[in-house]
Amino acid sequence: MVPSIKLASGHSMPVVGFGIWKVPRETCAEQVYQAIKLGYRHIDGAWDYTNSKEAGEGVRRAIDEGIIKREDIFITSKLWNNYHKREHALEQARRENEAWGLGYLDLFLIHFPIALEFVPFDEIMFPCFWNDKEQKNVTPLAKVPLSETWAAMEELVSAPNAFIKSIGVSNFHTQTLYDLLNYCKIQPSVLQIEHHPYLTQPNLVAMAQENNIAVTGYSTFGPQSFIELGNAAAKGTKPLFEADIVKKIAEKHGKTPSQVLLRFCTQRNIIVIPKSNNVDRLKQNLESVEFDLTKEEIDEIASLNQNLRFNDPSTLGRPIRIFT
């Protein structure tokens, strides 16, 4: 049984989820369905993953077959950068909820703490930092304050016909969180960040947890998720699965390196959302909560930190320097 974390909103969120970033549309419904059959009760998606409709089909199949009820599963999605203005945020959330086709979303996050120029919904080629086939022309920034975007997020959960249960943020740093906490009427329930032993961000994690903001870590396996994207930093970095410390601890516990990396997070109350196309690995990821690391082992793994970030838009043709 995978444990859950109680959010500031009062809802509970399973600490191990199935992330659908880079899951192809043509296989997404089947992969989500199979993950649910294995026991997953938390699916992490986003508008810019472009597979919400298919993921929702997989969930509905599991519901139709009586494997789960809607209330048994936790669905996360995210607001993309082009839609930070109030009216656009409300519209994108509505479209995303309709794409999933499940009646409501359990968690909706601001994906990045930046606003890009608005691109009409019927004109966007694919949600990304650019909107051209060559992927060269980075969309210019837009002058939309986070206060406006957050007010729209609050509206989504407080409206009489609300279809969002909890709200939060992603890729924020302590400065933006402190600022948000100064004016928010509904505090963020979740902060989602890149988190792995090469990028531990201990002060950011501590600050969020001190303020009752649950932390979700993405890219828990470090460079693994980014190699296929041609990320230069990822290609030149030793895979965490091959790190001597991780392998040694895995062997001691009779676990896989991936299970050790996931437990490094969940044992410190950091939610994880790994993806896998392999049924055996999906099962192993879900079972990663069934053993405990010692404090010394956690410290050993944390010593691998290099402040090495792979998901960084400062490397774009027109740099967007969020993480400075």
Protein backbone atom coordinates (compact mmCIF):
# COMPACT_ATOMS: atom_id res chain seq x y z
CA MET A 1 0.00 0.00 0.00
CA VAL A 2 1.53 3.32 -1.08
CA PRO A 3 1.25 5.97 1.67
CA SER A 4 -0.17 9.43 1.04
CA ILE A 5 0.67 12.95 2.16
CA LYS A 6 -2.05 15.23 3.53
CA LEU A 7 -2.03 18.51 1.60
CA ALA A 8 -2.78 22.00 2.89
CA SER A 9 -6.05 21.79 0.96
CA GLY A 10 -7.11 18.84 3.10
CA HIS A 11 -6.85 16.31 0.27
CA SER A 12 -4.41 13.39 0.26
CA MET A 13 -1.80 12.72 -2.43
CA PRO A 14 -0.05 9.33 -2.92
CA VAL A 15 3.74 9.59 -2.57
CA VAL A 16 4.43 7.47 -5.66
CA GLY A 17 2.78 8.41 -8.94
CA PHE A 18 3.10 7.60 -12.63
CA GLY A 19 4.47 10.51 -14.64
CA ILE A 20 3.29 10.75 -18.26
CA TRP A 21 5.88 13.24 -19.55
CA LYS A 22 7.18 11.87 -22.89
CA VAL A 23 4.66 8.99 -22.92
CA PRO A 24 3.58 8.80 -26.60
CA ARG A 25 -0.06 9.54 -27.35
CA GLU A 26 -0.48 6.25 -29.17
CA THR A 27 0.48 4.20 -26.08
CA CYS A 28 -0.55 6.56 -23.27
CA ALA A 29 -4.06 5.18 -22.64
CA GLU A 30 -2.75 1.62 -22.39
CA GLN A 31 0.21 2.57 -20.19
CA VAL A 32 -1.97 4.52 -17.76
CA TYR A 33 -4.48 1.67 -17.64
CA GLN A 34 -1.72 -0.88 -16.95
CA ALA A 35 -0.21 1.35 -14.26
CA ILE A 36 -3.58 1.54 -12.51
CA LYS A 37 -3.95 -2.25 -12.73
CA LEU A 38 -0.57 -2.55 -10.99
CA GLY A 39 -1.75 -0.32 -8.16
CA TYR A 40 -0.87 3.26 -9.14
CA ARG A 41 -3.35 5.78 -7.78
CA HIS A 42 -1.61 9.00 -8.83
CA ILE A 43 -1.04 10.17 -12.42
CA ASP A 44 1.03 13.29 -13.13
CA GLY A 45 0.30 15.06 -16.41
CA ALA A 46 0.42 18.55 -17.93
CA TRP A 47 -1.06 20.58 -20.76
CA ASP A 48 2.25 20.65 -22.60
CA TYR A 49 2.69 16.87 -22.49
CA THR A 50 -0.14 16.79 -25.10
CA ASN A 51 -1.42 13.39 -23.96
CA SER A 52 -4.08 14.30 -21.39
CA LYS A 53 -6.96 13.03 -23.52
CA GLU A 54 -5.31 9.64 -23.96
CA ALA A 55 -4.35 9.42 -20.28
CA GLY A 56 -7.95 10.16 -19.35
CA GLU A 57 -9.09 7.34 -21.64
CA GLY A 58 -6.85 4.93 -19.73
CA VAL A 59 -8.28 6.09 -16.40
CA ARG A 60 -11.87 5.83 -17.64
CA ARG A 61 -11.23 2.29 -18.87
CA ALA A 62 -10.05 1.32 -15.38
CA ILE A 63 -13.14 2.97 -13.87
CA ASP A 64 -15.48 1.28 -16.37
CA GLU A 65 -13.97 -2.11 -15.53
CA GLY A 66 -14.48 -1.54 -11.80
CA ILE A 67 -10.76 -1.53 -10.97
CA ILE A 68 -11.08 1.91 -9.34
CA LYS A 69 -13.61 4.62 -8.66
CA ARG A 70 -12.88 8.20 -9.72
CA GLU A 71 -12.23 9.22 -6.11
CA ASP A 72 -9.56 6.50 -5.79
CA ILE A 73 -7.14 8.19 -8.17
CA PHE A 74 -5.27 11.50 -7.93
CA ILE A 75 -4.81 13.42 -11.20
CA THR A 76 -2.33 16.30 -11.54
CA SER A 77 -2.10 18.69 -14.47
CA LYS A 78 -0.46 22.06 -15.09
CA LEU A 79 -1.01 25.54 -16.48
CA TRP A 80 1.28 26.34 -19.41
CA ASN A 81 3.28 29.57 -19.74
CA ASN A 82 1.27 31.10 -22.61
CA TYR A 83 -1.86 31.19 -20.47
CA HIS A 84 -0.98 33.14 -17.33
CA LYS A 85 -3.51 35.96 -17.81
CA ARG A 86 -6.65 35.37 -15.76
CA GLU A 87 -9.03 34.68 -18.64
CA HIS A 88 -6.50 32.45 -20.41
CA ALA A 89 -5.69 30.50 -17.24
CA LEU A 90 -9.36 29.81 -16.60
CA GLU A 91 -9.87 28.72 -20.21
CA GLN A 92 -6.82 26.44 -20.31
CA ALA A 93 -7.87 24.80 -17.06
CA ARG A 94 -11.36 24.20 -18.49
CA ARG A 95 -9.93 22.68 -21.67
CA GLU A 96 -7.53 20.50 -19.70
CA ASN A 97 -10.29 19.21 -17.44
CA GLU A 98 -12.40 18.38 -20.50
CA ALA A 99 -9.46 16.61 -22.13
CA TRP A 100 -9.06 14.27 -19.14
CA GLY A 101 -12.82 13.68 -19.12
CA LEU A 102 -12.97 12.70 -15.46
CA GLY A 103 -15.14 15.49 -14.08
CA TYR A 104 -12.42 17.21 -12.09
CA LEU A 105 -8.66 17.45 -11.57
CA ASP A 106 -7.19 16.79 -8.13
CA LEU A 107 -4.24 19.18 -8.49
CA PHE A 108 -3.47 22.01 -10.90
CA LEU A 109 -0.01 23.62 -10.88
CA ILE A 110 1.52 26.73 -12.44
CA HIS A 111 4.11 24.91 -14.55
CA PHE A 112 6.80 27.64 -14.55
CA PRO A 113 6.98 31.02 -12.76
CA ILE A 114 7.13 32.88 -16.07
CA ALA A 115 4.57 34.14 -18.57
CA LEU A 116 5.05 33.83 -22.32
CA GLU A 117 3.12 35.78 -24.93
CA PHE A 118 -0.38 34.44 -25.49
CA VAL A 119 -0.86 32.08 -28.42
CA PRO A 120 -4.53 31.36 -29.27
CA PHE A 121 -5.54 27.82 -28.38
CA ASP A 122 -6.37 26.92 -31.98
CA GLU A 123 -3.06 28.30 -33.28
CA ILE A 124 -0.56 26.72 -30.91
CA MET A 125 1.42 24.01 -32.69
CA PHE A 126 2.51 22.38 -29.46
CA PRO A 127 2.83 23.87 -25.99
CA CYS A 128 6.51 24.60 -25.48
CA PHE A 129 8.93 27.51 -25.11
CA TRP A 130 8.66 28.04 -28.87
CA ASN A 131 5.88 27.72 -31.44
CA ASP A 132 7.72 26.95 -34.68
CA LYS A 133 8.64 23.64 -36.29
CA GLU A 134 12.34 24.47 -36.22
CA GLN A 135 12.14 25.04 -32.43
CA LYS A 136 14.39 28.10 -32.74
CA ASN A 137 12.17 31.10 -32.05
CA VAL A 138 11.56 31.26 -28.33
CA THR A 139 8.21 32.88 -27.55
CA PRO A 140 8.77 36.32 -25.96
CA LEU A 141 7.96 36.89 -22.31
CA ALA A 142 4.65 38.53 -21.42
CA LYS A 143 4.02 41.11 -18.71
CA VAL A 144 1.65 39.13 -16.50
CA PRO A 145 2.33 39.24 -12.75
CA LEU A 146 2.20 36.01 -10.79
CA SER A 147 -0.36 37.65 -8.52
CA GLU A 148 -2.85 37.70 -11.41
CA THR A 149 -2.15 34.10 -12.31
CA TRP A 150 -2.44 32.93 -8.71
CA ALA A 151 -5.72 34.78 -8.25
CA ALA A 152 -7.05 32.82 -11.25
CA MET A 153 -5.81 29.59 -9.67
CA GLU A 154 -7.65 30.49 -6.46
CA GLU A 155 -10.78 31.16 -8.49
CA LEU A 156 -10.55 27.67 -9.95
CA VAL A 157 -10.81 26.02 -6.51
CA SER A 158 -13.20 28.48 -4.85
CA ALA A 159 -15.89 28.84 -7.56
CA PRO A 160 -19.26 27.20 -6.80
CA ASN A 161 -18.79 24.85 -9.76
CA ALA A 162 -15.08 24.25 -9.07
CA PHE A 163 -13.49 21.37 -11.00
CA ILE A 164 -10.05 21.74 -9.36
CA LYS A 165 -9.52 20.34 -5.85
CA SER A 166 -6.03 21.66 -4.98
CA ILE A 167 -3.61 24.17 -6.49
CA GLY A 168 0.15 24.56 -6.42
CA VAL A 169 3.26 25.59 -8.30
CA SER A 170 6.16 24.04 -10.17
CA ASN A 171 9.76 25.15 -10.76
CA PHE A 172 9.47 27.96 -8.19
CA HIS A 173 12.33 29.01 -5.91
CA THR A 174 12.24 30.28 -2.35
CA GLN A 175 12.00 33.94 -3.43
CA THR A 176 8.87 33.38 -5.53
CA LEU A 177 7.35 31.16 -2.83
CA TYR A 178 7.92 33.74 -0.09
CA ASP A 179 6.38 36.41 -2.31
CA LEU A 180 3.39 34.22 -3.13
CA LEU A 181 2.79 33.43 0.54
CA ASN A 182 2.62 37.18 1.27
CA TYR A 183 -0.49 37.76 -0.83
CA CYS A 184 -2.18 34.43 -1.50
CA LYS A 185 -5.64 33.83 -0.05
CA ILE A 186 -5.32 30.09 -0.67
CA GLN A 187 -1.80 28.82 -0.12
CA PRO A 188 -0.15 26.45 -2.59
CA SER A 189 -0.57 22.81 -1.61
CA VAL A 190 2.34 21.46 -3.68
CA LEU A 191 5.69 22.55 -5.09
CA GLN A 192 7.00 20.37 -7.94
CA ILE A 193 10.73 20.63 -8.66
CA GLU A 194 13.57 18.80 -10.36
CA HIS A 195 15.03 16.67 -7.59
CA HIS A 196 17.68 13.94 -7.66
CA PRO A 197 21.04 13.30 -5.95
CA TYR A 198 22.85 15.56 -8.44
CA LEU A 199 20.40 18.39 -7.58
CA THR A 200 19.14 18.05 -3.99
CA GLN A 201 18.10 21.69 -3.34
CA PRO A 202 17.91 21.11 0.45
CA ASN A 203 17.06 24.70 1.40
CA LEU A 204 14.23 24.92 -1.12
CA VAL A 205 12.79 21.60 0.07
CA ALA A 206 13.08 22.67 3.71
CA MET A 207 11.46 26.05 3.08
CA ALA A 208 8.49 24.46 1.30
CA GLN A 209 7.96 21.80 3.93
CA GLU A 210 8.30 24.36 6.75
CA ASN A 211 5.38 26.22 5.15
CA ASN A 212 3.19 23.13 4.77
CA ILE A 213 3.79 22.91 1.02
CA ALA A 214 4.26 19.30 -0.07
CA VAL A 215 7.20 18.71 -2.43
CA THR A 216 7.05 16.56 -5.56
CA GLY A 217 10.33 15.66 -7.22
CA TYR A 218 10.51 15.08 -10.96
CA SER A 219 13.40 13.53 -12.92
CA THR A 220 14.30 11.50 -9.83
CA PHE A 221 16.75 9.44 -11.87
CA GLY A 222 18.73 12.53 -12.89
CA PRO A 223 20.13 12.62 -16.42
CA GLN A 224 18.16 9.54 -17.54
CA SER A 225 15.08 11.54 -18.62
CA PHE A 226 17.06 14.06 -20.65
CA ILE A 227 19.55 11.97 -22.64
CA GLU A 228 17.01 11.17 -25.37
CA LEU A 229 16.24 14.90 -25.67
CA GLY A 230 19.84 15.60 -26.68
CA ASN A 231 20.61 17.45 -23.43
CA ALA A 232 24.38 18.06 -23.46
CA ALA A 233 24.71 18.12 -19.67
CA ALA A 234 22.83 14.83 -19.37
CA LYS A 235 24.93 13.12 -22.04
CA GLY A 236 28.12 14.06 -20.23
CA THR A 237 26.97 12.95 -16.77
CA LYS A 238 27.39 9.53 -15.20
CA PRO A 239 23.97 7.85 -14.85
CA LEU A 240 22.81 7.69 -11.24
CA PHE A 241 22.01 4.01 -11.71
CA GLU A 242 25.76 3.50 -12.11
CA ALA A 243 26.89 5.66 -9.19
CA ASP A 244 28.98 3.54 -6.80
CA ILE A 245 27.17 4.82 -3.71
CA VAL A 246 23.76 4.03 -5.16
CA LYS A 247 24.81 0.58 -6.39
CA LYS A 248 26.38 -0.28 -3.02
CA ILE A 249 23.26 0.68 -1.07
CA ALA A 250 21.00 -1.13 -3.53
CA GLU A 251 23.04 -4.32 -3.18
CA LYS A 252 22.95 -4.09 0.62
CA HIS A 253 19.16 -3.88 0.67
CA GLY A 254 18.56 -6.32 -2.17
CA LYS A 255 16.89 -3.56 -4.18
CA THR A 256 17.45 -1.95 -7.56
CA PRO A 257 19.28 1.39 -7.92
CA SER A 258 16.03 2.97 -9.13
CA GLN A 259 14.25 1.85 -5.95
CA VAL A 260 17.02 3.38 -3.84
CA LEU A 261 16.77 6.68 -5.72
CA LEU A 262 13.01 6.79 -5.23
CA ARG A 263 13.24 5.88 -1.54
CA PHE A 264 15.85 8.62 -1.07
CA CYS A 265 12.97 10.99 -1.88
CA THR A 266 9.89 9.38 -0.34
CA GLN A 267 11.59 8.67 2.99
CA ARG A 268 12.08 12.45 3.25
CA ASN A 269 8.41 13.11 2.38
CA ILE A 270 9.15 14.04 -1.24
CA ILE A 271 6.55 12.69 -3.68
CA VAL A 272 7.92 10.96 -6.80
CA ILE A 273 6.42 10.55 -10.29
CA PRO A 274 8.68 8.17 -12.24
CA LYS A 275 7.83 6.95 -15.73
CA SER A 276 8.62 3.54 -17.18
CA ASN A 277 7.49 1.61 -20.25
CA ASN A 278 8.41 -1.68 -18.58
CA VAL A 279 5.81 -3.44 -16.41
CA ASP A 280 8.43 -4.98 -14.10
CA ARG A 281 10.07 -1.60 -13.48
CA LEU A 282 6.68 0.01 -12.94
CA LYS A 283 6.03 -2.58 -10.23
CA GLN A 284 9.48 -2.04 -8.71
CA ASN A 285 8.90 1.72 -8.58
CA LEU A 286 5.63 1.20 -6.74
CA GLU A 287 7.34 -1.16 -4.28
CA SER A 288 10.12 1.33 -3.51
CA VAL A 289 8.34 2.41 -0.30
CA GLU A 290 8.65 -1.07 1.22
CA PHE A 291 12.10 -0.64 2.78
CA ASP A 292 13.97 2.06 4.70
CA LEU A 293 17.36 3.67 4.22
CA THR A 294 19.48 4.60 7.22
CA LYS A 295 20.26 8.23 7.91
CA GLU A 296 23.87 7.52 6.96
CA GLU A 297 22.77 6.09 3.61
CA ILE A 298 20.57 9.10 2.91
CA ASP A 299 23.52 11.38 3.72
CA GLU A 300 25.78 9.34 1.44
CA ILE A 301 23.36 9.68 -1.46
CA ALA A 302 22.94 13.40 -0.78
CA SER A 303 26.72 13.83 -0.96
CA LEU A 304 26.45 13.23 -4.73
CA ASN A 305 24.94 16.72 -5.09
CA GLN A 306 26.55 18.87 -7.80
CA ASN A 307 23.79 21.49 -8.13
CA LEU A 308 23.44 20.05 -11.62
CA ARG A 309 20.16 21.03 -13.28
CA PHE A 310 18.97 19.44 -16.54
CA ASN A 311 15.61 21.18 -17.04
CA ASP A 312 16.83 24.73 -17.53
CA PRO A 313 15.41 27.20 -20.09
CA SER A 314 18.51 29.40 -19.72
CA THR A 315 20.01 27.15 -22.40
CA LEU A 316 17.42 28.20 -25.00
CA GLY A 317 18.34 30.35 -27.99
CA ARG A 318 16.81 33.30 -26.17
CA PRO A 319 17.67 32.37 -22.56
CA ILE A 320 15.02 32.47 -19.86
CA ARG A 321 16.98 32.67 -16.62
CA ILE A 322 14.57 31.31 -14.01
CA PHE A 323 17.03 29.47 -11.83
CA THR A 324 19.51 32.21 -10.91
